[in-house]
Structures are given as C-alpha cells and as structure tokens.
Protein backbone atom coordinates (compact mmCIF):
# COMPACT_ATOMS: atom_id res chain seq x y z
CA MET A 1 -159.84 118.66 49.98
CA ASN A 2 -156.42 118.99 51.53
CA VAL A 3 -153.62 118.41 49.05
CA GLU A 4 -150.16 117.72 50.41
CA CYS A 5 -147.47 120.22 49.44
CA GLY A 6 -145.27 118.77 46.72
CA SER A 7 -147.86 116.23 45.53
CA GLU A 8 -148.85 116.00 41.87
CA ASP A 9 -152.16 117.80 42.46
CA TRP A 10 -150.72 120.58 44.62
CA HIS A 11 -150.46 124.13 43.27
CA TYR A 12 -149.52 127.50 44.68
CA SER A 13 -152.44 129.89 45.15
CA ILE A 14 -153.00 133.59 44.52
CA ASP A 15 -152.38 134.11 48.24
CA ASP A 16 -148.95 132.51 47.82
CA LEU A 17 -148.22 134.88 44.94
CA LEU A 18 -149.21 137.89 47.04
CA LYS A 19 -146.98 136.63 49.86
CA VAL A 20 -144.02 136.19 47.50
CA MET A 21 -144.50 139.74 46.24
CA THR A 22 -144.56 141.09 49.79
CA ILE A 23 -141.33 139.24 50.58
CA LEU A 24 -139.64 140.52 47.41
CA ARG A 25 -140.46 144.10 48.42
CA ASP A 26 -139.44 143.72 52.06
CA PRO A 27 -137.06 146.64 52.78
CA GLU A 28 -134.69 144.45 54.81
CA LYS A 29 -135.01 140.93 53.42
CA GLY A 30 -136.32 141.51 49.93
CA CYS A 31 -134.72 141.48 46.49
CA PRO A 32 -132.58 144.60 45.85
CA TRP A 33 -133.91 144.94 42.30
CA ASP A 34 -137.58 144.63 43.28
CA ILE A 35 -137.15 147.06 46.18
CA LYS A 36 -135.80 149.72 43.81
CA GLN A 37 -138.77 149.58 41.44
CA SER A 38 -141.60 152.11 41.16
CA PHE A 39 -144.82 152.43 39.16
CA GLU A 40 -142.95 154.20 36.40
CA SER A 41 -139.93 151.89 36.26
CA ILE A 42 -141.89 148.68 35.62
CA VAL A 43 -144.09 150.08 32.84
CA PRO A 44 -141.63 148.96 30.10
CA SER A 45 -141.67 145.44 31.55
CA THR A 46 -145.47 145.45 31.57
CA LEU A 47 -145.64 146.42 27.90
CA GLU A 48 -143.01 143.84 26.98
CA GLU A 49 -144.84 141.06 28.82
CA CYS A 50 -148.12 141.94 27.07
CA TYR A 51 -146.44 141.80 23.67
CA GLU A 52 -144.84 138.47 24.52
CA LEU A 53 -148.27 137.15 25.50
CA ALA A 54 -149.76 138.36 22.20
CA ASP A 55 -146.90 136.69 20.30
CA ALA A 56 -147.44 133.36 22.07
CA ILE A 57 -151.18 133.52 21.32
CA GLU A 58 -150.60 134.26 17.63
CA ARG A 59 -148.14 131.36 17.43
CA GLN A 60 -150.78 129.17 19.15
CA ASP A 61 -148.16 128.04 21.66
CA LEU A 62 -150.59 127.36 24.51
CA PRO A 63 -148.02 126.20 27.12
CA HIS A 64 -146.12 129.42 26.44
CA VAL A 65 -149.40 131.38 26.67
CA ALA A 66 -149.87 130.05 30.20
CA GLU A 67 -146.33 131.12 31.12
CA GLU A 68 -146.78 134.59 29.65
CA LEU A 69 -150.13 135.01 31.40
CA GLY A 70 -148.27 134.38 34.65
CA ASP A 71 -145.78 137.11 33.76
CA VAL A 72 -148.61 139.55 33.01
CA LEU A 73 -150.34 138.61 36.27
CA PHE A 74 -147.11 139.31 38.11
CA GLN A 75 -147.20 142.85 36.74
CA VAL A 76 -150.67 143.31 38.24
CA ILE A 77 -149.48 141.92 41.56
CA PHE A 78 -146.42 144.21 41.50
CA TYR A 79 -148.51 147.35 40.90
CA SER A 80 -150.95 146.24 43.60
CA GLN A 81 -148.09 145.85 46.09
CA LEU A 82 -146.82 149.32 45.23
CA GLY A 83 -150.33 150.72 45.66
CA SER A 84 -150.67 149.00 49.02
CA GLU A 85 -147.36 150.42 50.23
CA GLU A 86 -148.57 153.92 49.33
CA LYS A 87 -151.96 153.17 50.94
CA ALA A 88 -153.65 154.05 47.62
CA PHE A 89 -155.10 150.63 46.73
CA ASP A 90 -154.35 146.93 47.09
CA PHE A 91 -155.00 143.72 45.15
CA GLU A 92 -158.40 143.20 46.78
CA SER A 93 -159.56 146.66 45.75
CA VAL A 94 -158.29 146.02 42.19
CA VAL A 95 -160.34 142.80 42.04
CA HIS A 96 -163.38 144.50 43.58
CA GLY A 97 -163.24 147.35 41.08
CA LEU A 98 -162.88 144.94 38.16
CA VAL A 99 -165.79 142.71 39.21
CA ASP A 100 -167.98 145.76 39.88
CA LYS A 101 -167.16 147.17 36.42
CA LEU A 102 -167.83 143.85 34.65
CA ILE A 103 -171.22 143.50 36.32
CA ARG A 104 -172.09 147.13 35.54
CA ARG A 105 -171.08 146.77 31.89
CA HIS A 106 -173.04 143.53 31.38
CA PRO A 107 -176.62 144.42 32.39
CA HIS A 108 -177.93 141.77 29.97
CA ILE A 109 -176.16 139.13 32.11
CA PHE A 110 -176.54 140.78 35.56
CA PRO A 111 -179.82 142.77 35.31
CA GLN A 112 -180.07 143.20 39.09
CA GLY A 113 -176.53 144.52 39.39
CA ASP A 114 -175.19 141.55 41.35
CA ILE A 115 -173.59 138.24 40.46
CA ASP A 116 -176.46 135.90 41.34
CA GLY A 117 -179.70 137.85 40.98
CA GLY A 118 -182.12 138.32 38.09
CA GLU A 119 -183.07 136.63 34.84
CA ARG A 120 -180.78 137.17 31.88
CA ALA A 121 -182.14 139.26 29.02
CA PRO A 122 -181.66 138.08 25.41
CA ALA A 123 -179.04 140.08 23.53
CA SER A 124 -177.03 139.96 20.30
CA ALA A 125 -173.32 140.63 19.98
CA GLU A 126 -174.12 143.85 18.10
CA SER A 127 -176.48 145.19 20.78
CA VAL A 128 -173.97 144.29 23.50
CA SER A 129 -171.26 146.26 21.67
CA VAL A 130 -173.51 149.33 21.39
CA SER A 131 -174.52 149.05 25.05
CA TRP A 132 -170.86 148.64 26.09
CA GLU A 133 -169.83 151.84 24.32
CA ALA A 134 -172.79 153.75 25.81
CA LEU A 135 -171.86 152.59 29.32
CA LYS A 136 -168.24 153.60 28.81
CA GLN A 137 -169.39 157.02 27.60
CA ARG A 138 -171.40 157.50 30.79
CA GLU A 139 -168.41 156.38 32.88
CA ARG A 140 -166.19 158.92 31.12
CA ALA A 141 -168.80 161.62 31.72
CA ALA A 142 -168.91 160.68 35.41
CA LYS A 143 -165.13 161.19 35.53
CA ALA A 144 -165.62 164.71 34.13
CA GLN A 145 -164.08 163.70 30.80
CA HIS A 146 -166.06 165.85 28.41
CA GLY A 147 -164.18 165.10 25.18
CA ALA A 148 -164.56 161.85 23.26
CA LEU A 149 -160.77 161.48 23.12
CA ASP A 150 -160.02 162.52 26.72
CA ASP A 151 -158.92 159.13 28.10
CA VAL A 152 -157.17 157.61 25.09
CA PRO A 153 -153.79 156.81 26.69
CA LEU A 154 -150.81 158.72 25.33
CA ALA A 155 -148.58 155.74 26.14
CA LEU A 156 -150.36 153.44 23.67
CA PRO A 157 -148.24 152.40 20.66
CA ALA A 158 -148.91 154.89 17.88
CA LEU A 159 -150.63 152.32 15.65
CA ALA A 160 -153.02 151.16 18.35
CA ARG A 161 -153.65 154.73 19.52
CA ALA A 162 -154.53 155.85 16.00
CA GLN A 163 -157.11 153.07 15.74
CA LYS A 164 -158.59 153.96 19.12
CA LEU A 165 -158.74 157.67 18.30
CA GLN A 166 -160.54 156.90 15.05
CA LYS A 167 -163.00 154.60 16.79
CA ARG A 168 -163.81 157.26 19.38
CA ALA A 169 -164.29 159.86 16.65
CA ALA A 170 -166.55 157.48 14.74
CA ASN A 171 -168.67 156.88 17.85
CA ALA A 172 -169.05 160.65 18.06
CA GLY A 173 -170.33 160.70 14.46
CA VAL A 174 -167.12 161.77 12.71
CA ASP A 175 -166.40 159.09 10.11
CA TRP A 176 -166.55 158.28 6.41
CA SER A 177 -169.95 156.91 5.41
CA GLU A 178 -168.64 154.59 2.65
CA PHE A 179 -165.55 152.40 2.48
CA LYS A 180 -164.61 153.71 -0.98
CA GLN A 181 -164.19 157.14 0.64
CA VAL A 182 -161.71 155.64 3.11
CA LEU A 183 -159.63 154.16 0.28
CA SER A 184 -159.87 157.40 -1.70
CA ASN A 185 -158.59 159.34 1.30
CA LEU A 186 -155.60 156.99 1.57
CA GLU A 187 -154.85 157.53 -2.12
CA ASP A 188 -155.09 161.31 -1.64
CA GLU A 189 -152.64 161.16 1.27
CA ILE A 190 -150.18 159.11 -0.80
CA GLY A 191 -150.44 161.79 -3.50
CA GLU A 192 -149.65 164.49 -0.93
CA LEU A 193 -146.66 162.47 0.27
CA LYS A 194 -145.37 162.33 -3.32
CA GLU A 195 -145.69 166.12 -3.55
CA ALA A 196 -143.79 166.53 -0.28
CA LEU A 197 -141.03 164.23 -1.56
CA ALA A 198 -140.76 166.40 -4.67
CA ASP A 199 -140.37 169.50 -2.48
CA GLY A 200 -137.66 167.81 -0.39
CA ASP A 201 -138.83 169.40 2.90
CA THR A 202 -138.03 166.80 5.58
CA ASP A 203 -140.57 168.12 8.08
CA HIS A 204 -143.30 168.17 5.43
CA ILE A 205 -142.39 164.65 4.32
CA GLU A 206 -142.67 163.34 7.89
CA ASP A 207 -146.01 165.08 8.30
CA GLU A 208 -147.42 163.57 5.11
CA LEU A 209 -145.98 160.13 5.90
CA GLY A 210 -147.83 160.27 9.21
CA ASP A 211 -151.05 161.08 7.36
CA VAL A 212 -150.54 158.08 5.07
CA LEU A 213 -150.01 155.77 8.05
CA PHE A 214 -153.01 157.24 9.88
CA SER A 215 -155.20 156.75 6.80
CA ALA A 216 -153.96 153.17 6.37
CA VAL A 217 -154.99 152.47 9.97
CA ASN A 218 -158.43 153.83 9.12
CA VAL A 219 -158.67 151.36 6.24
CA GLY A 220 -157.99 148.52 8.67
CA ARG A 221 -160.51 149.86 11.16
CA HIS A 222 -163.24 150.00 8.52
CA LEU A 223 -162.38 146.43 7.57
CA ARG A 224 -162.85 145.55 11.28
CA MET A 225 -159.28 144.34 11.53
CA ASP A 226 -156.70 144.84 14.27
CA ASN A 227 -153.99 146.91 12.60
CA GLU A 228 -151.37 145.96 15.18
CA ARG A 229 -152.00 142.29 14.49
CA ALA A 230 -151.99 142.84 10.72
CA LEU A 231 -148.63 144.61 10.90
CA ARG A 232 -147.16 141.91 13.14
CA ARG A 233 -148.29 139.40 10.51
CA ALA A 234 -146.57 141.44 7.79
CA ASN A 235 -143.41 141.60 9.93
CA ARG A 236 -143.36 137.82 10.33
CA LYS A 237 -143.91 137.36 6.59
CA PHE A 238 -141.05 139.72 5.73
CA GLU A 239 -138.77 138.02 8.24
CA ARG A 240 -139.61 134.58 6.84
CA ARG A 241 -138.92 135.63 3.24
CA PHE A 242 -135.74 137.49 4.16
CA ARG A 243 -134.38 134.44 5.98
CA MET A 244 -135.07 132.35 2.87
CA MET A 245 -133.05 134.85 0.82
CA GLU A 246 -130.22 134.69 3.34
CA ALA A 247 -130.26 130.90 3.25
CA GLU A 248 -130.08 130.92 -0.54
CA ALA A 249 -127.11 133.28 -0.45
CA MET A 250 -125.32 131.17 2.17
CA ALA A 251 -125.89 128.05 0.06
CA SER A 252 -124.02 129.84 -2.74
CA ASN A 253 -121.17 130.73 -0.35
CA THR A 254 -121.90 134.45 -0.62
CA SER A 255 -123.91 137.18 1.10
CA LEU A 256 -126.86 139.34 0.13
CA GLU A 257 -124.65 142.44 0.04
CA LYS A 258 -122.87 141.06 -3.03
CA TYR A 259 -126.07 140.56 -5.03
CA THR A 260 -127.18 143.05 -7.67
CA PRO A 261 -130.62 144.69 -7.33
CA GLU A 262 -131.88 142.43 -10.12
CA GLN A 263 -130.58 139.30 -8.36
CA LEU A 264 -132.13 140.42 -5.07
CA HIS A 265 -135.46 140.93 -6.84
CA THR A 266 -135.24 137.40 -8.26
CA LEU A 267 -134.46 135.99 -4.80
CA TRP A 268 -137.36 137.90 -3.26
CA GLN A 269 -139.80 136.67 -5.88
CA ALA A 270 -138.63 133.08 -5.32
CA ALA A 271 -139.09 133.44 -1.57
CA LYS A 272 -142.50 135.00 -2.12
CA ALA A 273 -143.56 132.19 -4.47
CA SER A 274 -142.60 129.50 -1.95
CA ASP A 275 -144.25 131.25 1.01
C-alpha cells in the first residue's frame, strides 16, 4: 500500500535513517560534528543513551522508551556507517550477523538452522538458559578464547562487570554451594574492612572496600537479582527521601546545613516512614 508522504499513516523507514546518516557524514555537505566523530568518540554517547533507555523503562514511561530506543538505534546506525566507510562492515552485515547468531543460539526454535524450516522442540526456560551458555562457550572457544573470563568487556561499569565475572566463574564451577556461605563471606569482608580502617592504610582500605562491594554483588547474583538495577533503585529512594528532608527544611525557612545530627536523623526517619 502506497502511503502519501506527510499523511497520518506515513512513517520514515530504516532506509531513510541510513540515508540521513550517510548525509550527516558526507565530507562536503554533512554536519561538522558528525564528520569529526570516530568509533571511540561516540562510545560515551552510546553508554549514556543505554542508561537513559533503562531509566525510561524503570519509570514505565513508554512514550519515552520509544524515543530512547530511537537514540540507541541511532548509535547502531552511526557505528555501521563508520564501519562502511572503513570497508570493515555495514548495517546489512550487522543485521545478517545478528540474525545468524539468534538462529544458531535458539536450536529449539530453529532446529534446521534457518528461519522457516523444521518443527520446534519443546523446551523449558531453564534448559534454554543452559543451552544458551553452552553455545556461547563454544563460540568463545571458536574465537580462540580459552579462559572463561576472556571476553568480559573491560569497559563495562564495575558493578555489572563484577556480576558478569562471577557468573562466568560460576559456570566454570567456581562458586559457593550454599547461600549462607555467600552471606558469611560478605560478613568476613566487612570484618576485614574494619581491620583496615583501624590500621589507617588508605591503599589497604580501598582494597578491602572493593572486596566488600564485590561480595555484595555476589549476594545479589545468588538472589538472581540485577545489582545495577537494585542500586539504581536505592539511588532513587535516597534521592526521594533527601528531597523530602530539603522540603521540610525549606518550609522552616532554613537549610539542612544548620540542622544538628540529631535533627537530621529525625528528619531522615520521618522521610523514611512516609516513603
């Protein structure tokens, strides 16, 4: 069906997006900012857009989710344009590689290795997860990555990277067998941090603090929770309570700096109770 440009049912297509990207990068007629960019220079923007998408999802702001998905897609298009200019890859090869990987990693859905062929095999979510990890292990082996931790990205945020490192180690058989051991380990690390604080050695304190954080991440992993999401939730909770304290201080024509520790504690408990 032909839809007239500008009509209510008319939308730009992925081809239009690719064309816009090509124009933006045109050496003579393109945007000066876009022309200057490289793979490395747009990485911060990519990370920022992904976090903004996650924030919109957690706030359940679906119109904003759609907008942020567009921003993330633009990052993919930008990298694809850069790859095409260097004759390394293009958007079509990115799509082809993704579809090929999805088919390969879902043999219970595509038993014949193509989109349309074969009868689907029954599978549970648990068996799919095990199969997924086994397939990824074989893919890593095919890339000559012999260590379980070889392709855990260094650029991941430390919290997310800790969880991924622990998951890889667990898949290799290195893990606590009981949850009470995980909690006990966290308590031990807190004890070692207290000892380091007593010594006053800054480097030792930082080292032990890192161990406490790493162990706390392990607690979340064993609880099958996303630590990054849990911490974002804690951040929002703190921000909400702090703003309530600020509002209370402003209503009294003063500021939080002028409150005593006891008064601040009372304000915090009130904010916590009304949360």
